[in-house]
Amino acid sequence: MPMWAIVLTVVASIIVALVSLVNLFRSFKFATKDDIREVKEGIRNINTRIDRHLEGHP
């Protein structure tokens, strides 16, 4: 196999690996304070609705 083909294959492999790593790190989404607050509010709402429902049961 000619040397230029080996070099081209290695360079292409490095580019594919770098693009894959960049996409992997871009896919990580960290929770912000607003996200956590929304989840807490949702849990509170669910708890309130459960409590209201259970008030009618003996």
N, C-alpha and C. Protein backbone atom coordinates (compact mmCIF):
# COMPACT_ATOMS: atom_id res chain seq x y z
N MET A 1 0.86 -1.18 0.00
CA MET A 1 0.00 0.00 0.00
C MET A 1 0.90 1.24 0.00
N PRO A 2 0.58 2.21 -0.84
CA PRO A 2 1.43 3.41 -0.90
C PRO A 2 1.35 4.23 0.39
N MET A 3 2.45 4.91 0.65
CA MET A 3 2.56 5.69 1.89
C MET A 3 1.48 6.78 1.96
N TRP A 4 1.16 7.41 0.84
CA TRP A 4 0.16 8.49 0.86
C TRP A 4 -1.21 7.95 1.26
N ALA A 5 -1.52 6.72 0.91
CA ALA A 5 -2.82 6.13 1.27
C ALA A 5 -2.88 5.86 2.77
N ILE A 6 -1.76 5.43 3.33
CA ILE A 6 -1.72 5.18 4.78
C ILE A 6 -1.88 6.50 5.53
N VAL A 7 -1.17 7.52 5.09
CA VAL A 7 -1.26 8.83 5.74
C VAL A 7 -2.67 9.38 5.62
N LEU A 8 -3.26 9.27 4.45
CA LEU A 8 -4.63 9.75 4.25
C LEU A 8 -5.62 9.02 5.15
N THR A 9 -5.45 7.71 5.29
CA THR A 9 -6.34 6.92 6.15
C THR A 9 -6.19 7.33 7.61
N VAL A 10 -4.96 7.54 8.06
CA VAL A 10 -4.72 7.95 9.45
C VAL A 10 -5.31 9.33 9.70
N VAL A 11 -5.11 10.25 8.79
CA VAL A 11 -5.66 11.61 8.95
C VAL A 11 -7.19 11.56 8.97
N ALA A 12 -7.77 10.78 8.09
CA ALA A 12 -9.24 10.67 8.08
C ALA A 12 -9.74 10.06 9.39
N SER A 13 -9.04 9.07 9.89
CA SER A 13 -9.44 8.44 11.16
C SER A 13 -9.36 9.44 12.31
N ILE A 14 -8.32 10.26 12.34
CA ILE A 14 -8.18 11.27 13.39
C ILE A 14 -9.31 12.28 13.30
N ILE A 15 -9.65 12.71 12.10
CA ILE A 15 -10.74 13.68 11.93
C ILE A 15 -12.06 13.08 12.40
N VAL A 16 -12.34 11.85 12.04
CA VAL A 16 -13.58 11.20 12.48
C VAL A 16 -13.61 11.07 13.99
N ALA A 17 -12.49 10.73 14.61
CA ALA A 17 -12.42 10.60 16.06
C ALA A 17 -12.66 11.95 16.75
N LEU A 18 -12.06 13.01 16.22
CA LEU A 18 -12.25 14.33 16.81
C LEU A 18 -13.69 14.81 16.68
N VAL A 19 -14.28 14.61 15.52
CA VAL A 19 -15.68 15.01 15.33
C VAL A 19 -16.59 14.22 16.27
N SER A 20 -16.30 12.94 16.45
CA SER A 20 -17.10 12.12 17.36
C SER A 20 -16.98 12.62 18.79
N LEU A 21 -15.78 12.96 19.22
CA LEU A 21 -15.59 13.48 20.58
C LEU A 21 -16.31 14.81 20.78
N VAL A 22 -16.22 15.68 19.79
CA VAL A 22 -16.90 16.98 19.90
C VAL A 22 -18.40 16.77 20.02
N ASN A 23 -18.97 15.90 19.21
CA ASN A 23 -20.41 15.63 19.28
C ASN A 23 -20.80 14.99 20.60
N LEU A 24 -19.94 14.12 21.13
CA LEU A 24 -20.21 13.50 22.42
C LEU A 24 -20.28 14.54 23.51
N PHE A 25 -19.30 15.43 23.57
CA PHE A 25 -19.29 16.44 24.62
C PHE A 25 -20.40 17.48 24.45
N ARG A 26 -20.80 17.74 23.20
CA ARG A 26 -21.92 18.67 22.99
C ARG A 26 -23.24 18.06 23.42
N SER A 27 -23.32 16.73 23.44
CA SER A 27 -24.58 16.09 23.81
C SER A 27 -24.84 16.11 25.32
N PHE A 28 -23.78 16.35 26.12
CA PHE A 28 -23.97 16.43 27.56
C PHE A 28 -24.64 17.75 27.90
N LYS A 29 -25.76 17.64 28.58
CA LYS A 29 -26.46 18.85 29.01
C LYS A 29 -26.57 18.81 30.52
N PHE A 30 -26.01 19.81 31.16
CA PHE A 30 -26.01 19.85 32.61
C PHE A 30 -27.21 20.64 33.09
N ALA A 31 -27.76 20.20 34.21
CA ALA A 31 -28.95 20.85 34.76
C ALA A 31 -28.58 22.22 35.32
N THR A 32 -29.42 23.19 35.01
CA THR A 32 -29.23 24.52 35.58
C THR A 32 -30.11 24.66 36.82
N LYS A 33 -29.93 25.76 37.51
CA LYS A 33 -30.76 26.00 38.71
C LYS A 33 -32.23 26.08 38.34
N ASP A 34 -32.53 26.65 37.19
CA ASP A 34 -33.92 26.74 36.75
C ASP A 34 -34.50 25.36 36.49
N ASP A 35 -33.71 24.47 35.89
CA ASP A 35 -34.18 23.10 35.65
C ASP A 35 -34.50 22.39 36.96
N ILE A 36 -33.61 22.55 37.93
CA ILE A 36 -33.82 21.91 39.24
C ILE A 36 -35.05 22.49 39.92
N ARG A 37 -35.23 23.79 39.81
CA ARG A 37 -36.40 24.44 40.42
C ARG A 37 -37.69 23.92 39.78
N GLU A 38 -37.70 23.75 38.47
CA GLU A 38 -38.88 23.23 37.78
C GLU A 38 -39.22 21.81 38.25
N VAL A 39 -38.20 20.99 38.42
CA VAL A 39 -38.44 19.62 38.89
C VAL A 39 -39.00 19.64 40.30
N LYS A 40 -38.43 20.49 41.16
CA LYS A 40 -38.92 20.58 42.54
C LYS A 40 -40.38 21.05 42.57
N GLU A 41 -40.72 22.02 41.73
CA GLU A 41 -42.10 22.50 41.68
C GLU A 41 -43.04 21.40 41.19
N GLY A 42 -42.59 20.64 40.21
CA GLY A 42 -43.41 19.53 39.71
C GLY A 42 -43.65 18.49 40.80
N ILE A 43 -42.63 18.17 41.57
CA ILE A 43 -42.79 17.21 42.67
C ILE A 43 -43.74 17.76 43.72
N ARG A 44 -43.61 19.04 44.04
CA ARG A 44 -44.53 19.65 45.01
C ARG A 44 -45.97 19.59 44.52
N ASN A 45 -46.18 19.86 43.23
CA ASN A 45 -47.53 19.81 42.67
C ASN A 45 -48.10 18.40 42.75
N ILE A 46 -47.28 17.42 42.43
CA ILE A 46 -47.75 16.03 42.51
C ILE A 46 -48.10 15.67 43.95
N ASN A 47 -47.24 16.05 44.89
CA ASN A 47 -47.51 15.76 46.30
C ASN A 47 -48.79 16.43 46.78
N THR A 48 -49.02 17.66 46.35
CA THR A 48 -50.23 18.38 46.73
C THR A 48 -51.46 17.68 46.17
N ARG A 49 -51.39 17.25 44.93
CA ARG A 49 -52.54 16.56 44.32
C ARG A 49 -52.80 15.22 44.99
N ILE A 50 -51.75 14.51 45.36
CA ILE A 50 -51.94 13.23 46.06
C ILE A 50 -52.58 13.48 47.43
N ASP A 51 -52.09 14.51 48.14
CA ASP A 51 -52.66 14.83 49.46
C ASP A 51 -54.14 15.19 49.34
N ARG A 52 -54.50 15.98 48.35
CA ARG A 52 -55.90 16.35 48.15
C ARG A 52 -56.74 15.12 47.84
N HIS A 53 -56.19 14.23 47.04
CA HIS A 53 -56.93 13.02 46.69
C HIS A 53 -57.15 12.15 47.92
N LEU A 54 -56.12 12.03 48.74
CA LEU A 54 -56.21 11.15 49.91
C LEU A 54 -57.08 11.72 51.02
N GLU A 55 -57.38 13.03 50.99
CA GLU A 55 -58.22 13.63 52.02
C GLU A 55 -59.62 13.01 52.01
N GLY A 56 -60.09 12.60 50.87
CA GLY A 56 -61.44 12.04 50.77
C GLY A 56 -61.50 10.58 51.15
N HIS A 57 -60.40 9.96 51.38
CA HIS A 57 -60.38 8.52 51.74
C HIS A 57 -60.20 8.36 53.24
N PRO A 58 -60.89 7.35 53.79
CA PRO A 58 -60.75 7.14 55.24
C PRO A 58 -59.39 6.57 55.62
